């Protein structure tokens, strides 16, 4: 890793995107299933918000680096 952060190649962008989308789907299911436990649901929802931000950043970086639409 360089001082400026990681510089993924196209296949790595796609792999990161796919993995995060899968994790996002799993967290969404877990969040909806934990409606009785508000604390746990809040934790899942916070992680979902974090993933949303990461996905946006990856999408922007992939477009900037390789003109890749994810």
Protein backbone atom coordinates (compact mmCIF):
# COMPACT_ATOMS: atom_id res chain seq x y z
CA UNK A 1 0.00 0.00 0.00
CA UNK A 2 1.34 3.40 -0.92
CA UNK A 3 1.10 6.63 1.03
CA UNK A 4 -1.93 7.59 -1.06
CA UNK A 5 -3.85 4.42 -0.20
CA UNK A 6 -4.58 1.36 -2.27
CA UNK A 7 -4.81 1.45 -6.07
CA UNK A 8 -6.96 -1.51 -7.12
CA UNK A 9 -7.01 -2.84 -10.66
CA UNK A 10 -10.29 -3.38 -12.54
CA UNK A 11 -10.81 -6.96 -11.34
CA UNK A 12 -10.19 -5.89 -7.74
CA UNK A 13 -12.73 -3.08 -8.01
CA UNK A 14 -15.27 -5.60 -9.26
CA UNK A 15 -14.43 -8.06 -6.50
CA UNK A 16 -14.69 -5.39 -3.79
CA UNK A 17 -18.00 -4.20 -5.22
CA UNK A 18 -19.43 -7.72 -5.38
CA UNK A 19 -18.28 -8.61 -1.85
CA UNK A 20 -19.65 -5.42 -0.33
CA UNK A 21 -22.98 -5.80 -2.13
CA UNK A 22 -23.25 -9.36 -0.80
CA UNK A 23 -22.42 -8.19 2.74
CA UNK A 24 -24.89 -5.32 2.41
CA UNK A 25 -27.63 -7.79 1.44
CA UNK A 26 -26.79 -10.04 4.40
CA UNK A 27 -26.80 -7.13 6.87
CA UNK A 28 -30.12 -5.94 5.49
CA UNK A 29 -31.65 -9.37 6.12
CA UNK A 30 -30.16 -9.54 9.61
CA UNK A 31 -31.45 -6.05 10.40
CA UNK A 32 -34.99 -6.93 9.36
CA UNK A 33 -34.87 -10.18 11.34
CA UNK A 34 -33.71 -8.45 14.53
CA UNK A 35 -36.67 -6.10 14.84
CA UNK A 36 -37.30 -7.31 18.41
CA UNK A 37 -33.76 -6.34 19.48
CA UNK A 38 -33.47 -2.62 18.75
CA UNK A 39 -29.81 -2.39 19.82
CA UNK A 40 -28.78 -5.13 17.42
CA UNK A 41 -30.88 -3.65 14.64
CA UNK A 42 -29.20 -0.27 15.20
CA UNK A 43 -25.76 -1.89 14.89
CA UNK A 44 -26.74 -3.50 11.59
CA UNK A 45 -28.21 -0.25 10.31
CA UNK A 46 -25.03 1.67 11.18
CA UNK A 47 -22.95 -0.89 9.30
CA UNK A 48 -25.32 -0.59 6.34
CA UNK A 49 -24.77 3.17 6.29
CA UNK A 50 -21.00 2.66 6.40
CA UNK A 51 -21.17 0.20 3.50
CA UNK A 52 -23.28 2.63 1.50
CA UNK A 53 -20.54 5.24 1.87
CA UNK A 54 -17.80 2.79 0.96
CA UNK A 55 -19.73 1.65 -2.12
CA UNK A 56 -20.10 5.26 -3.27
CA UNK A 57 -16.37 5.86 -2.79
CA UNK A 58 -15.47 2.69 -4.72
CA UNK A 59 -17.86 3.62 -7.52
CA UNK A 60 -16.31 7.09 -7.83
CA UNK A 61 -12.74 5.74 -7.69
CA UNK A 62 -13.44 3.04 -10.31
CA UNK A 63 -14.95 5.64 -12.64
CA UNK A 64 -12.02 7.99 -12.08
CA UNK A 65 -9.27 5.37 -12.40
CA UNK A 66 -10.60 3.21 -15.24
CA UNK A 67 -13.83 4.85 -16.46
CA UNK A 68 -15.47 1.74 -14.98
CA UNK A 69 -19.20 1.83 -14.21
CA UNK A 70 -20.07 -0.39 -11.26
